[in-house]
């Protein structure tokens, strides 16, 4: 029963993360094209994306411990990548010029959106 709930939650949460990353990517792209700086809301959303990705990983780990297995082992690689990549880019971009920071964080949103999509395709 718990395993089924975790599997369901993990699958739906993956879709939500994909949509959230794409929306942040669209917002960041708009900010770049209009030459506006990223605001605190975007940065907060980016950190929230990372926190939710970490939670998604914990739910996935619970599913794995409960006996579930992804269709391909690459599923785990995409998840680990997203958990490590997002804070790495955030820290790296923090000391850069504002336009460079905007570009890096926006690209990171699109990259993890692709990783989430691939994760969904390689999951159970």
PDB file of N, CA and C in Angstrom:
ATOM      1  N   UNK A   1       0.829  -1.193   0.000  1.00  0.00           N
ATOM      2  CA  UNK A   1       0.000   0.000   0.000  1.00  0.00           C
ATOM      3  C   UNK A   1       0.878   1.264   0.000  1.00  0.00           C
ATOM      4  N   UNK A   2       1.859   1.316   0.899  1.00  0.00           N
ATOM      5  CA  UNK A   2       2.755   2.467   0.956  1.00  0.00           C
ATOM      6  C   UNK A   2       3.588   2.554  -0.314  1.00  0.00           C
ATOM      7  N   UNK A   3       4.028   1.405  -0.809  1.00  0.00           N
ATOM      8  CA  UNK A   3       4.811   1.371  -2.042  1.00  0.00           C
ATOM      9  C   UNK A   3       4.019   1.954  -3.209  1.00  0.00           C
ATOM     10  N   UNK A   4       2.759   1.559  -3.332  1.00  0.00           N
ATOM     11  CA  UNK A   4       1.913   2.076  -4.412  1.00  0.00           C
ATOM     12  C   UNK A   4       1.732   3.582  -4.296  1.00  0.00           C
ATOM     13  N   UNK A   5       1.549   4.066  -3.067  1.00  0.00           N
ATOM     14  CA  UNK A   5       1.387   5.495  -2.848  1.00  0.00           C
ATOM     15  C   UNK A   5       2.661   6.246  -3.229  1.00  0.00           C
ATOM     16  N   UNK A   6       3.820   5.738  -2.810  1.00  0.00           N
ATOM     17  CA  UNK A   6       5.087   6.390  -3.136  1.00  0.00           C
ATOM     18  C   UNK A   6       5.344   6.382  -4.640  1.00  0.00           C
ATOM     19  N   UNK A   7       5.024   5.287  -5.295  1.00  0.00           N
ATOM     20  CA  UNK A   7       5.197   5.208  -6.753  1.00  0.00           C
ATOM     21  C   UNK A   7       4.310   6.223  -7.460  1.00  0.00           C
ATOM     22  N   UNK A   8       3.069   6.309  -7.018  1.00  0.00           N
ATOM     23  CA  UNK A   8       2.128   7.266  -7.600  1.00  0.00           C
ATOM     24  C   UNK A   8       2.630   8.694  -7.370  1.00  0.00           C
ATOM     25  N   UNK A   9       3.034   8.981  -6.141  1.00  0.00           N
ATOM     26  CA  UNK A   9       3.522  10.313  -5.790  1.00  0.00           C
ATOM     27  C   UNK A   9       4.770  10.671  -6.593  1.00  0.00           C
ATOM     28  N   UNK A  10       5.679   9.722  -6.728  1.00  0.00           N
ATOM     29  CA  UNK A  10       6.918   9.947  -7.474  1.00  0.00           C
ATOM     30  C   UNK A  10       6.622  10.247  -8.949  1.00  0.00           C
ATOM     31  N   UNK A  11       5.708   9.522  -9.530  1.00  0.00           N
ATOM     32  CA  UNK A  11       5.360   9.734 -10.939  1.00  0.00           C
ATOM     33  C   UNK A  11       4.701  11.098 -11.154  1.00  0.00           C
ATOM     34  N   UNK A  12       3.754  11.446 -10.317  1.00  0.00           N
ATOM     35  CA  UNK A  12       3.047  12.723 -10.484  1.00  0.00           C
ATOM     36  C   UNK A  12       3.934  13.909 -10.144  1.00  0.00           C
ATOM     37  N   UNK A  13       4.767  13.732  -9.153  1.00  0.00           N
ATOM     38  CA  UNK A  13       5.681  14.790  -8.748  1.00  0.00           C
ATOM     39  C   UNK A  13       6.700  15.063  -9.851  1.00  0.00           C
ATOM     40  N   UNK A  14       7.102  14.037 -10.574  1.00  0.00           N
ATOM     41  CA  UNK A  14       8.019  14.212 -11.698  1.00  0.00           C
ATOM     42  C   UNK A  14       7.416  15.094 -12.775  1.00  0.00           C
ATOM     43  N   UNK A  15       6.142  14.888 -13.057  1.00  0.00           N
ATOM     44  CA  UNK A  15       5.456  15.713 -14.055  1.00  0.00           C
ATOM     45  C   UNK A  15       5.363  17.153 -13.563  1.00  0.00           C
ATOM     46  N   UNK A  16       5.038  17.331 -12.289  1.00  0.00           N
ATOM     47  CA  UNK A  16       4.949  18.682 -11.723  1.00  0.00           C
ATOM     48  C   UNK A  16       6.297  19.397 -11.784  1.00  0.00           C
ATOM     49  N   UNK A  17       7.378  18.684 -11.502  1.00  0.00           N
ATOM     50  CA  UNK A  17       8.709  19.291 -11.577  1.00  0.00           C
ATOM     51  C   UNK A  17       9.059  19.681 -13.006  1.00  0.00           C
ATOM     52  N   UNK A  18       8.703  18.856 -13.959  1.00  0.00           N
ATOM     53  CA  UNK A  18       8.944  19.165 -15.362  1.00  0.00           C
ATOM     54  C   UNK A  18       8.229  20.458 -15.750  1.00  0.00           C
ATOM     55  N   UNK A  19       6.977  20.581 -15.373  1.00  0.00           N
ATOM     56  CA  UNK A  19       6.200  21.785 -15.686  1.00  0.00           C
ATOM     57  C   UNK A  19       6.786  23.007 -14.978  1.00  0.00           C
ATOM     58  N   UNK A  20       7.149  22.858 -13.709  1.00  0.00           N
ATOM     59  CA  UNK A  20       7.707  23.965 -12.934  1.00  0.00           C
ATOM     60  C   UNK A  20       9.031  24.435 -13.537  1.00  0.00           C
ATOM     61  N   UNK A  21       9.899  23.506 -13.914  1.00  0.00           N
ATOM     62  CA  UNK A  21      11.181  23.870 -14.520  1.00  0.00           C
ATOM     63  C   UNK A  21      10.961  24.579 -15.859  1.00  0.00           C
ATOM     64  N   UNK A  22      10.010  24.107 -16.645  1.00  0.00           N
ATOM     65  CA  UNK A  22       9.719  24.740 -17.935  1.00  0.00           C
ATOM     66  C   UNK A  22       9.160  26.148 -17.736  1.00  0.00           C
ATOM     67  N   UNK A  23       8.296  26.323 -16.744  1.00  0.00           N
ATOM     68  CA  UNK A  23       7.757  27.660 -16.465  1.00  0.00           C
ATOM     69  C   UNK A  23       8.858  28.622 -16.013  1.00  0.00           C
ATOM     70  N   UNK A  24       9.752  28.145 -15.145  1.00  0.00           N
ATOM     71  CA  UNK A  24      10.889  28.975 -14.747  1.00  0.00           C
ATOM     72  C   UNK A  24      11.781  29.281 -15.950  1.00  0.00           C
ATOM     73  N   UNK A  25      11.972  28.299 -16.813  1.00  0.00           N
ATOM     74  CA  UNK A  25      12.755  28.512 -18.022  1.00  0.00           C
ATOM     75  C   UNK A  25      12.135  29.561 -18.931  1.00  0.00           C
ATOM     76  N   UNK A  26      10.814  29.513 -19.067  1.00  0.00           N
ATOM     77  CA  UNK A  26      10.110  30.521 -19.874  1.00  0.00           C
ATOM     78  C   UNK A  26      10.246  31.908 -19.259  1.00  0.00           C
ATOM     79  N   UNK A  27      10.073  31.995 -17.955  1.00  0.00           N
ATOM     80  CA  UNK A  27      10.209  33.281 -17.263  1.00  0.00           C
ATOM     81  C   UNK A  27      11.626  33.826 -17.422  1.00  0.00           C
ATOM     82  N   UNK A  28      12.609  32.986 -17.201  1.00  0.00           N
ATOM     83  CA  UNK A  28      13.993  33.415 -17.346  1.00  0.00           C
ATOM     84  C   UNK A  28      14.315  33.836 -18.773  1.00  0.00           C
ATOM     85  N   UNK A  29      13.795  33.095 -19.747  1.00  0.00           N
ATOM     86  CA  UNK A  29      14.008  33.444 -21.149  1.00  0.00           C
ATOM     87  C   UNK A  29      13.389  34.803 -21.466  1.00  0.00           C
ATOM     88  N   UNK A  30      12.192  35.041 -20.963  1.00  0.00           N
ATOM     89  CA  UNK A  30      11.537  36.341 -21.151  1.00  0.00           C
ATOM     90  C   UNK A  30      12.372  37.455 -20.531  1.00  0.00           C
ATOM     91  N   UNK A  31      12.872  37.215 -19.320  1.00  0.00           N
ATOM     92  CA  UNK A  31      13.699  38.219 -18.645  1.00  0.00           C
ATOM     93  C   UNK A  31      14.966  38.497 -19.442  1.00  0.00           C
ATOM     94  N   UNK A  32      15.565  37.467 -20.003  1.00  0.00           N
ATOM     95  CA  UNK A  32      16.770  37.644 -20.822  1.00  0.00           C
ATOM     96  C   UNK A  32      16.475  38.437 -22.097  1.00  0.00           C
ATOM     97  N   UNK A  33      15.402  38.064 -22.783  1.00  0.00           N
ATOM     98  CA  UNK A  33      15.073  38.718 -24.047  1.00  0.00           C
ATOM     99  C   UNK A  33      14.697  40.184 -23.862  1.00  0.00           C
ATOM    100  N   UNK A  34      14.124  40.514 -22.725  1.00  0.00           N
ATOM    101  CA  UNK A  34      13.752  41.907 -22.449  1.00  0.00           C
ATOM    102  C   UNK A  34      14.837  42.638 -21.668  1.00  0.00           C
ATOM    103  N   UNK A  35      15.968  41.960 -21.488  1.00  0.00           N
ATOM    104  CA  UNK A  35      17.140  42.524 -20.796  1.00  0.00           C
ATOM    105  C   UNK A  35      16.813  43.008 -19.385  1.00  0.00           C
ATOM    106  N   UNK A  36      16.023  42.235 -18.697  1.00  0.00           N
ATOM    107  CA  UNK A  36      15.700  42.533 -17.303  1.00  0.00           C
ATOM    108  C   UNK A  36      16.504  41.609 -16.403  1.00  0.00           C
ATOM    109  N   UNK A  37      16.792  42.085 -15.205  1.00  0.00           N
ATOM    110  CA  UNK A  37      17.489  41.253 -14.239  1.00  0.00           C
ATOM    111  C   UNK A  37      16.498  40.264 -13.618  1.00  0.00           C
ATOM    112  N   UNK A  38      17.037  39.164 -13.164  1.00  0.00           N
ATOM    113  CA  UNK A  38      16.195  38.202 -12.456  1.00  0.00           C
ATOM    114  C   UNK A  38      15.879  38.757 -11.079  1.00  0.00           C
ATOM    115  N   UNK A  39      14.642  38.635 -10.690  1.00  0.00           N
ATOM    116  CA  UNK A  39      14.248  39.122  -9.382  1.00  0.00           C
ATOM    117  C   UNK A  39      14.378  38.049  -8.317  1.00  0.00           C
ATOM    118  N   UNK A  40      14.072  38.445  -7.101  1.00  0.00           N
ATOM    119  CA  UNK A  40      14.118  37.505  -5.987  1.00  0.00           C
ATOM    120  C   UNK A  40      13.129  36.370  -6.138  1.00  0.00           C
ATOM    121  N   UNK A  41      12.012  36.638  -6.819  1.00  0.00           N
ATOM    122  CA  UNK A  41      11.024  35.592  -7.045  1.00  0.00           C
ATOM    123  C   UNK A  41      11.559  34.463  -7.907  1.00  0.00           C
ATOM    124  N   UNK A  42      12.319  34.824  -8.934  1.00  0.00           N
ATOM    125  CA  UNK A  42      12.910  33.799  -9.788  1.00  0.00           C
ATOM    126  C   UNK A  42      13.925  32.985  -8.999  1.00  0.00           C
ATOM    127  N   UNK A  43      14.788  33.672  -8.249  1.00  0.00           N
ATOM    128  CA  UNK A  43      15.795  32.965  -7.461  1.00  0.00           C
ATOM    129  C   UNK A  43      15.135  32.056  -6.425  1.00  0.00           C
ATOM    130  N   UNK A  44      14.081  32.549  -5.795  1.00  0.00           N
ATOM    131  CA  UNK A  44      13.351  31.724  -4.826  1.00  0.00           C
ATOM    132  C   UNK A  44      12.736  30.510  -5.506  1.00  0.00           C
ATOM    133  N   UNK A  45      12.168  30.730  -6.686  1.00  0.00           N
ATOM    134  CA  UNK A  45      11.612  29.620  -7.447  1.00  0.00           C
ATOM    135  C   UNK A  45      12.668  28.600  -7.824  1.00  0.00           C
ATOM    136  N   UNK A  46      13.859  29.085  -8.172  1.00  0.00           N
ATOM    137  CA  UNK A  46      14.958  28.200  -8.526  1.00  0.00           C
ATOM    138  C   UNK A  46      15.354  27.339  -7.328  1.00  0.00           C
ATOM    139  N   UNK A  47      15.465  27.968  -6.160  1.00  0.00           N
ATOM    140  CA  UNK A  47      15.806  27.209  -4.945  1.00  0.00           C
ATOM    141  C   UNK A  47      14.681  26.252  -4.556  1.00  0.00           C
ATOM    142  N   UNK A  48      13.448  26.675  -4.761  1.00  0.00           N
ATOM    143  CA  UNK A  48      12.309  25.792  -4.505  1.00  0.00           C
ATOM    144  C   UNK A  48      12.353  24.592  -5.451  1.00  0.00           C
ATOM    145  N   UNK A  49      12.715  24.839  -6.693  1.00  0.00           N
ATOM    146  CA  UNK A  49      12.858  23.742  -7.658  1.00  0.00           C
ATOM    147  C   UNK A  49      13.879  22.729  -7.167  1.00  0.00           C
ATOM    148  N   UNK A  50      14.998  23.221  -6.644  1.00  0.00           N
ATOM    149  CA  UNK A  50      16.012  22.309  -6.118  1.00  0.00           C
ATOM    150  C   UNK A  50      15.483  21.542  -4.903  1.00  0.00           C
ATOM    151  N   UNK A  51      14.832  22.244  -3.983  1.00  0.00           N
ATOM    152  CA  UNK A  51      14.296  21.580  -2.798  1.00  0.00           C
ATOM    153  C   UNK A  51      13.271  20.517  -3.146  1.00  0.00           C
ATOM    154  N   UNK A  52      12.404  20.817  -4.100  1.00  0.00           N
ATOM    155  CA  UNK A  52      11.409  19.833  -4.536  1.00  0.00           C
ATOM    156  C   UNK A  52      12.057  18.670  -5.278  1.00  0.00           C
ATOM    157  N   UNK A  53      13.142  18.962  -5.993  1.00  0.00           N
ATOM    158  CA  UNK A  53      13.893  17.891  -6.664  1.00  0.00           C
ATOM    159  C   UNK A  53      14.508  16.957  -5.629  1.00  0.00           C
ATOM    160  N   UNK A  54      15.026  17.538  -4.566  1.00  0.00           N
ATOM    161  CA  UNK A  54      15.582  16.732  -3.476  1.00  0.00           C
ATOM    162  C   UNK A  54      14.488  15.871  -2.826  1.00  0.00           C
ATOM    163  N   UNK A  55      13.327  16.458  -2.602  1.00  0.00           N
ATOM    164  CA  UNK A  55      12.203  15.699  -2.052  1.00  0.00           C
ATOM    165  C   UNK A  55      11.790  14.581  -3.007  1.00  0.00           C
ATOM    166  N   UNK A  56      11.772  14.887  -4.293  1.00  0.00           N
ATOM    167  CA  UNK A  56      11.461  13.866  -5.304  1.00  0.00           C
ATOM    168  C   UNK A  56      12.451  12.709  -5.228  1.00  0.00           C
ATOM    169  N   UNK A  57      13.721  13.046  -5.031  1.00  0.00           N
ATOM    170  CA  UNK A  57      14.742  12.004  -4.891  1.00  0.00           C
ATOM    171  C   UNK A  57      14.525  11.150  -3.663  1.00  0.00           C
ATOM    172  N   UNK A  58      14.119  11.772  -2.574  1.00  0.00           N
ATOM    173  CA  UNK A  58      13.847  11.005  -1.346  1.00  0.00           C
ATOM    174  C   UNK A  58      12.645  10.080  -1.530  1.00  0.00           C
ATOM    175  N   UNK A  59      11.633  10.573  -2.212  1.00  0.00           N
ATOM    176  CA  UNK A  59      10.461   9.725  -2.498  1.00  0.00           C
ATOM    177  C   UNK A  59      10.877   8.562  -3.403  1.00  0.00           C
ATOM    178  N   UNK A  60      11.705   8.870  -4.395  1.00  0.00           N
ATOM    179  CA  UNK A  60      12.208   7.817  -5.279  1.00  0.00           C
ATOM    180  C   UNK A  60      13.054   6.801  -4.532  1.00  0.00           C
ATOM    181  N   UNK A  61      13.870   7.280  -3.585  1.00  0.00           N
ATOM    182  CA  UNK A  61      14.680   6.360  -2.781  1.00  0.00           C
ATOM    183  C   UNK A  61      13.778   5.458  -1.937  1.00  0.00           C
ATOM    184  N   UNK A  62      12.693   6.034  -1.408  1.00  0.00           N
ATOM    185  CA  UNK A  62      11.736   5.226  -0.655  1.00  0.00           C
ATOM    186  C   UNK A  62      11.089   4.168  -1.520  1.00  0.00           C
ATOM    187  N   UNK A  63      10.779   4.532  -2.748  1.00  0.00           N
ATOM    188  CA  UNK A  63      10.211   3.567  -3.698  1.00  0.00           C
ATOM    189  C   UNK A  63      11.219   2.464  -4.011  1.00  0.00           C
ATOM    190  N   UNK A  64      12.476   2.861  -4.177  1.00  0.00           N
ATOM    191  CA  UNK A  64      13.538   1.895  -4.467  1.00  0.00           C
ATOM    192  C   UNK A  64      13.724   0.931  -3.293  1.00  0.00           C
ATOM    193  N   UNK A  65      13.742   1.467  -2.086  1.00  0.00           N
ATOM    194  CA  UNK A  65      13.872   0.628  -0.884  1.00  0.00           C
ATOM    195  C   UNK A  65      12.676  -0.296  -0.737  1.00  0.00           C
ATOM    196  N   UNK A  66      11.503   0.198  -1.146  1.00  0.00           N
ATOM    197  CA  UNK A  66      10.289  -0.608  -1.067  1.00  0.00           C
ATOM    198  C   UNK A  66      10.201  -1.699  -2.113  1.00  0.00           C
ATOM    199  N   UNK A  67      11.187  -1.784  -2.992  1.00  0.00           N
ATOM    200  CA  UNK A  67      11.203  -2.868  -3.965  1.00  0.00           C
ATOM    201  C   UNK A  67      10.949  -2.441  -5.395  1.00  0.00           C
ATOM    202  N   UNK A  68      10.652  -1.179  -5.620  1.00  0.00           N
ATOM    203  CA  UNK A  68      10.422  -0.705  -6.981  1.00  0.00           C
ATOM    204  C   UNK A  68      11.729  -0.532  -7.729  1.00  0.00           C
ATOM    205  N   UNK A  69      11.694  -0.735  -9.002  1.00  0.00           N
ATOM    206  CA  UNK A  69      12.873  -0.572  -9.841  1.00  0.00           C
ATOM    207  C   UNK A  69      12.491   0.242 -11.077  1.00  0.00           C
ATOM    208  N   UNK A  70      13.345   1.194 -11.460  1.00  0.00           N
ATOM    209  CA  UNK A  70      13.067   1.927 -12.701  1.00  0.00           C
ATOM    210  C   UNK A  70      13.283   1.020 -13.909  1.00  0.00           C
ATOM    211  N   UNK A  71      12.675   1.391 -15.003  1.00  0.00           N
ATOM    212  CA  UNK A  71      12.810   0.616 -16.231  1.00  0.00           C
ATOM    213  C   UNK A  71      14.268   0.583 -16.690  1.00  0.00           C
ATOM    214  N   UNK A  72      14.973   1.708 -16.524  1.00  0.00           N
ATOM    215  CA  UNK A  72      16.380   1.795 -16.884  1.00  0.00           C
ATOM    216  C   UNK A  72      17.149   2.417 -15.728  1.00  0.00           C
ATOM    217  N   UNK A  73      18.375   1.986 -15.509  1.00  0.00           N
ATOM    218  CA  UNK A  73      19.208   2.527 -14.437  1.00  0.00           C
ATOM    219  C   UNK A  73      19.523   4.001 -14.686  1.00  0.00           C
ATOM    220  N   UNK A  74      19.451   4.420 -15.934  1.00  0.00           N
ATOM    221  CA  UNK A  74      19.689   5.816 -16.288  1.00  0.00           C
ATOM    222  C   UNK A  74      18.725   6.763 -15.564  1.00  0.00           C
ATOM    223  N   UNK A  75      17.572   6.247 -15.171  1.00  0.00           N
ATOM    224  CA  UNK A  75      16.596   7.020 -14.404  1.00  0.00           C
ATOM    225  C   UNK A  75      17.243   7.597 -13.143  1.00  0.00           C
ATOM    226  N   UNK A  76      18.033   6.790 -12.467  1.00  0.00           N
ATOM    227  CA  UNK A  76      18.708   7.238 -11.248  1.00  0.00           C
ATOM    228  C   UNK A  76      19.759   8.297 -11.564  1.00  0.00           C
ATOM    229  N   UNK A  77      20.432   8.143 -12.673  1.00  0.00           N
ATOM    230  CA  UNK A  77      21.461   9.108 -13.072  1.00  0.00           C
ATOM    231  C   UNK A  77      20.838  10.483 -13.313  1.00  0.00           C
ATOM    232  N   UNK A  78      19.698  10.529 -13.985  1.00  0.00           N
ATOM    233  CA  UNK A  78      19.026  11.804 -14.224  1.00  0.00           C
ATOM    234  C   UNK A  78      18.634  12.471 -12.908  1.00  0.00           C
ATOM    235  N   UNK A  79      18.144  11.689 -11.969  1.00  0.00           N
ATOM    236  CA  UNK A  79      17.755  12.246 -10.675  1.00  0.00           C
ATOM    237  C   UNK A  79      18.942  12.778  -9.891  1.00  0.00           C
ATOM    238  N   UNK A  80      19.997  12.007  -9.824  1.00  0.00           N
ATOM    239  CA  UNK A  80      21.202  12.443  -9.106  1.00  0.00           C
ATOM    240  C   UNK A  80      21.787  13.682  -9.777  1.00  0.00           C
ATOM    241  N   UNK A  81      21.793  13.689 -11.103  1.00  0.00           N
ATOM    242  CA  UNK A  81      22.283  14.849 -11.836  1.00  0.00           C
ATOM    243  C   UNK A  81      21.521  16.111 -11.437  1.00  0.00           C
ATOM    244  N   UNK A  82      20.192  16.049 -11.441  1.00  0.00           N
ATOM    245  CA  UNK A  82      19.375  17.228 -11.133  1.00  0.00           C
ATOM    246  C   UNK A  82      19.626  17.721  -9.708  1.00  0.00           C
ATOM    247  N   UNK A  83      19.735  16.783  -8.769  1.00  0.00           N
ATOM    248  CA  UNK A  83      19.958  17.155  -7.362  1.00  0.00           C
ATOM    249  C   UNK A  83      21.300  17.857  -7.189  1.00  0.00           C
ATOM    250  N   UNK A  84      22.318  17.444  -7.915  1.00  0.00           N
ATOM    251  CA  UNK A  84      23.651  18.049  -7.780  1.00  0.00           C
ATOM    252  C   UNK A  84      23.839  19.272  -8.682  1.00  0.00           C
ATOM    253  N   UNK A  85      23.225  19.256  -9.841  1.00  0.00           N
ATOM    254  CA  UNK A  85      23.419  20.314 -10.834  1.00  0.00           C
ATOM    255  C   UNK A  85      22.803  21.641 -10.401  1.00  0.00           C
ATOM    256  N   UNK A  86      21.576  21.628  -9.893  1.00  0.00           N
ATOM    257  CA  UNK A  86      20.885  22.873  -9.562  1.00  0.00           C
ATOM    258  C   UNK A  86      21.623  23.722  -8.524  1.00  0.00           C
ATOM    259  N   UNK A  87      22.014  23.161  -7.380  1.00  0.00           N
ATOM    260  CA  UNK A  87      22.739  24.020  -6.430  1.00  0.00           C
ATOM    261  C   UNK A  87      24.127  24.409  -6.938  1.00  0.00           C
ATOM    262  N   UNK A  88      24.733  23.538  -7.733  1.00  0.00           N
ATOM    263  CA  UNK A  88      26.044  23.869  -8.294  1.00  0.00           C
ATOM    264  C   UNK A  88      25.979  25.085  -9.199  1.00  0.00           C
ATOM    265  N   UNK A  89      24.990  25.126 -10.072  1.00  0.00           N
ATOM    266  CA  UNK A  89      24.826  26.270 -10.966  1.00  0.00           C
ATOM    267  C   UNK A  89      24.467  27.516 -10.164  1.00  0.00           C
ATOM    268  N   UNK A  90      23.630  27.361  -9.152  1.00  0.00           N
ATOM    269  CA  UNK A  90      23.216  28.516  -8.341  1.00  0.00           C
ATOM    270  C   UNK A  90      24.424  29.156  -7.651  1.00  0.00           C
ATOM    271  N   UNK A  91      25.267  28.345  -7.070  1.00  0.00           N
ATOM    272  CA  UNK A  91      26.464  28.856  -6.398  1.00  0.00           C
ATOM    273  C   UNK A  91      27.421  29.468  -7.414  1.00  0.00           C
ATOM    274  N   UNK A  92      27.634  28.792  -8.526  1.00  0.00           N
ATOM    275  CA  UNK A  92      28.539  29.283  -9.561  1.00  0.00           C
ATOM    276  C   UNK A  92      28.056  30.621 -10.128  1.00  0.00           C
ATOM    277  N   UNK A  93      26.751  30.747 -10.361  1.00  0.00           N
ATOM    278  CA  UNK A  93      26.207  31.953 -10.974  1.00  0.00           C
ATOM    279  C   UNK A  93      26.123  33.116  -9.995  1.00  0.00           C
ATOM    280  N   UNK A  94      26.139  32.836  -8.719  1.00  0.00           N
ATOM    281  CA  UNK A  94      25.937  33.874  -7.715  1.00  0.00           C
ATOM    282  C   UNK A  94      26.931  35.014  -7.762  1.00  0.00           C
ATOM    283  N   UNK A  95      28.173  34.761  -8.070  1.00  0.00           N
ATOM    284  CA  UNK A  95      29.178  35.808  -8.079  1.00  0.00           C
ATOM    285  C   UNK A  95      29.389  36.455  -9.430  1.00  0.00           C
ATOM    286  N   UNK A  96      28.563  36.154 -10.401  1.00  0.00           N
ATOM    287  CA  UNK A  96      28.728  36.653 -11.766  1.00  0.00           C
ATOM    288  C   UNK A  96      27.932  37.946 -11.986  1.00  0.00           C
ATOM    289  N   UNK A  97      28.178  38.555 -13.146  1.00  0.00           N
ATOM    290  CA  UNK A  97      27.367  39.719 -13.526  1.00  0.00           C
ATOM    291  C   UNK A  97      25.903  39.288 -13.594  1.00  0.00           C
ATOM    292  N   UNK A  98      25.001  40.238 -13.438  1.00  0.00           N
ATOM    293  CA  UNK A  98      23.572  39.921 -13.372  1.00  0.00           C
ATOM    294  C   UNK A  98      23.056  39.286 -14.670  1.00  0.00           C
ATOM    295  N   UNK A  99      23.527  39.730 -15.811  1.00  0.00           N
ATOM    296  CA  UNK A  99      23.055  39.133 -17.061  1.00  0.00           C
ATOM    297  C   UNK A  99      23.607  37.719 -17.241  1.00  0.00           C
ATOM    298  N   UNK A 100      24.831  37.500 -16.774  1.00  0.00           N
ATOM    299  CA  UNK A 100      25.416  36.155 -16.834  1.00  0.00           C
ATOM    300  C   UNK A 100      24.687  35.221 -15.882  1.00  0.00           C
ATOM    301  N   UNK A 101      24.362  35.722 -14.695  1.00  0.00           N
ATOM    302  CA  UNK A 101      23.603  34.927 -13.733  1.00  0.00           C
ATOM    303  C   UNK A 101      22.253  34.534 -14.314  1.00  0.00           C
ATOM    304  N   UNK A 102      21.574  35.487 -14.938  1.00  0.00           N
ATOM    305  CA  UNK A 102      20.269  35.209 -15.535  1.00  0.00           C
ATOM    306  C   UNK A 102      20.375  34.133 -16.606  1.00  0.00           C
ATOM    307  N   UNK A 103      21.403  34.246 -17.440  1.00  0.00           N
ATOM    308  CA  UNK A 103      21.595  33.269 -18.508  1.00  0.00           C
ATOM    309  C   UNK A 103      21.869  31.875 -17.933  1.00  0.00           C
ATOM    310  N   UNK A 104      22.761  31.786 -16.947  1.00  0.00           N
ATOM    311  CA  UNK A 104      23.117  30.485 -16.383  1.00  0.00           C
ATOM    312  C   UNK A 104      21.932  29.821 -15.691  1.00  0.00           C
ATOM    313  N   UNK A 105      21.194  30.581 -14.894  1.00  0.00           N
ATOM    314  CA  UNK A 105      20.050  29.994 -14.179  1.00  0.00           C
ATOM    315  C   UNK A 105      18.934  29.593 -15.144  1.00  0.00           C
ATOM    316  N   UNK A 106      18.736  30.394 -16.178  1.00  0.00           N
ATOM    317  CA  UNK A 106      17.712  30.055 -17.173  1.00  0.00           C
ATOM    318  C   UNK A 106      18.089  28.779 -17.932  1.00  0.00           C
ATOM    319  N   UNK A 107      19.331  28.705 -18.366  1.00  0.00           N
ATOM    320  CA  UNK A 107      19.785  27.494 -19.061  1.00  0.00           C
ATOM    321  C   UNK A 107      19.664  26.284 -18.136  1.00  0.00           C
ATOM    322  N   UNK A 108      19.993  26.464 -16.865  1.00  0.00           N
ATOM    323  CA  UNK A 108      19.885  25.359 -15.903  1.00  0.00           C
ATOM    324  C   UNK A 108      18.440  24.861 -15.797  1.00  0.00           C
ATOM    325  N   UNK A 109      17.478  25.781 -15.833  1.00  0.00           N
ATOM    326  CA  UNK A 109      16.070  25.362 -15.782  1.00  0.00           C
ATOM    327  C   UNK A 109      15.713  24.502 -16.986  1.00  0.00           C
ATOM    328  N   UNK A 110      16.157  24.918 -18.163  1.00  0.00           N
ATOM    329  CA  UNK A 110      15.871  24.132 -19.369  1.00  0.00           C
ATOM    330  C   UNK A 110      16.586  22.785 -19.340  1.00  0.00           C
ATOM    331  N   UNK A 111      17.815  22.768 -18.840  1.00  0.00           N
ATOM    332  CA  UNK A 111      18.571  21.506 -18.770  1.00  0.00           C
ATOM    333  C   UNK A 111      17.882  20.515 -17.842  1.00  0.00           C
ATOM    334  N   UNK A 112      17.461  20.978 -16.653  1.00  0.00           N
ATOM    335  CA  UNK A 112      16.801  20.034 -15.737  1.00  0.00           C
ATOM    336  C   UNK A 112      15.403  19.668 -16.227  1.00  0.00           C
ATOM    337  N   UNK A 113      14.751  20.562 -16.959  1.00  0.00           N
ATOM    338  CA  UNK A 113      13.454  20.182 -17.536  1.00  0.00           C
ATOM    339  C   UNK A 113      13.650  19.004 -18.486  1.00  0.00           C
ATOM    340  N   UNK A 114      14.708  19.045 -19.273  1.00  0.00           N
ATOM    341  CA  UNK A 114      15.026  17.921 -20.157  1.00  0.00           C
ATOM    342  C   UNK A 114      15.365  16.675 -19.336  1.00  0.00           C
ATOM    343  N   UNK A 115      16.147  16.859 -18.274  1.00  0.00           N
ATOM    344  CA  UNK A 115      16.496  15.716 -17.412  1.00  0.00           C
ATOM    345  C   UNK A 115      15.250  15.120 -16.763  1.00  0.00           C
ATOM    346  N   UNK A 116      14.314  15.977 -16.326  1.00  0.00           N
ATOM    347  CA  UNK A 116      13.068  15.452 -15.747  1.00  0.00           C
ATOM    348  C   UNK A 116      12.284  14.676 -16.792  1.00  0.00           C
ATOM    349  N   UNK A 117      12.222  15.222 -18.008  1.00  0.00           N
ATOM    350  CA  UNK A 117      11.510  14.514 -19.076  1.00  0.00           C
ATOM    351  C   UNK A 117      12.131  13.163 -19.377  1.00  0.00           C
ATOM    352  N   UNK A 118      13.455  13.136 -19.448  1.00  0.00           N
ATOM    353  CA  UNK A 118      14.138  11.853 -19.670  1.00  0.00           C
ATOM    354  C   UNK A 118      13.935  10.925 -18.484  1.00  0.00           C
ATOM    355  N   UNK A 119      13.935  11.489 -17.287  1.00  0.00           N
ATOM    356  CA  UNK A 119      13.684  10.676 -16.101  1.00  0.00           C
ATOM    357  C   UNK A 119      12.304  10.027 -16.137  1.00  0.00           C
ATOM    358  N   UNK A 120      11.329  10.796 -16.586  1.00  0.00           N
ATOM    359  CA  UNK A 120       9.971  10.256 -16.715  1.00  0.00           C
ATOM    360  C   UNK A 120       9.946   9.116 -17.731  1.00  0.00           C
ATOM    361  N   UNK A 121      10.669   9.306 -18.837  1.00  0.00           N
ATOM    362  CA  UNK A 121      10.688   8.269 -19.893  1.00  0.00           C
ATOM    363  C   UNK A 121      11.412   7.000 -19.463  1.00  0.00           C
ATOM    364  N   UNK A 122      12.379   7.123 -18.562  1.00  0.00           N
ATOM    365  CA  UNK A 122      13.151   5.941 -18.156  1.00  0.00           C
ATOM    366  C   UNK A 122      12.674   5.338 -16.841  1.00  0.00           C
ATOM    367  N   UNK A 123      11.641   5.955 -16.241  1.00  0.00           N
ATOM    368  CA  UNK A 123      11.136   5.455 -14.957  1.00  0.00           C
ATOM    369  C   UNK A 123      10.281   4.223 -15.125  1.00  0.00           C
ATOM    370  N   UNK A 124       9.646   3.827 -14.039  1.00  0.00           N
ATOM    371  CA  UNK A 124       8.852   2.585 -14.029  1.00  0.00           C
ATOM    372  C   UNK A 124       7.579   2.686 -14.760  1.00  0.00           C
TER     373      UNK A 124
END
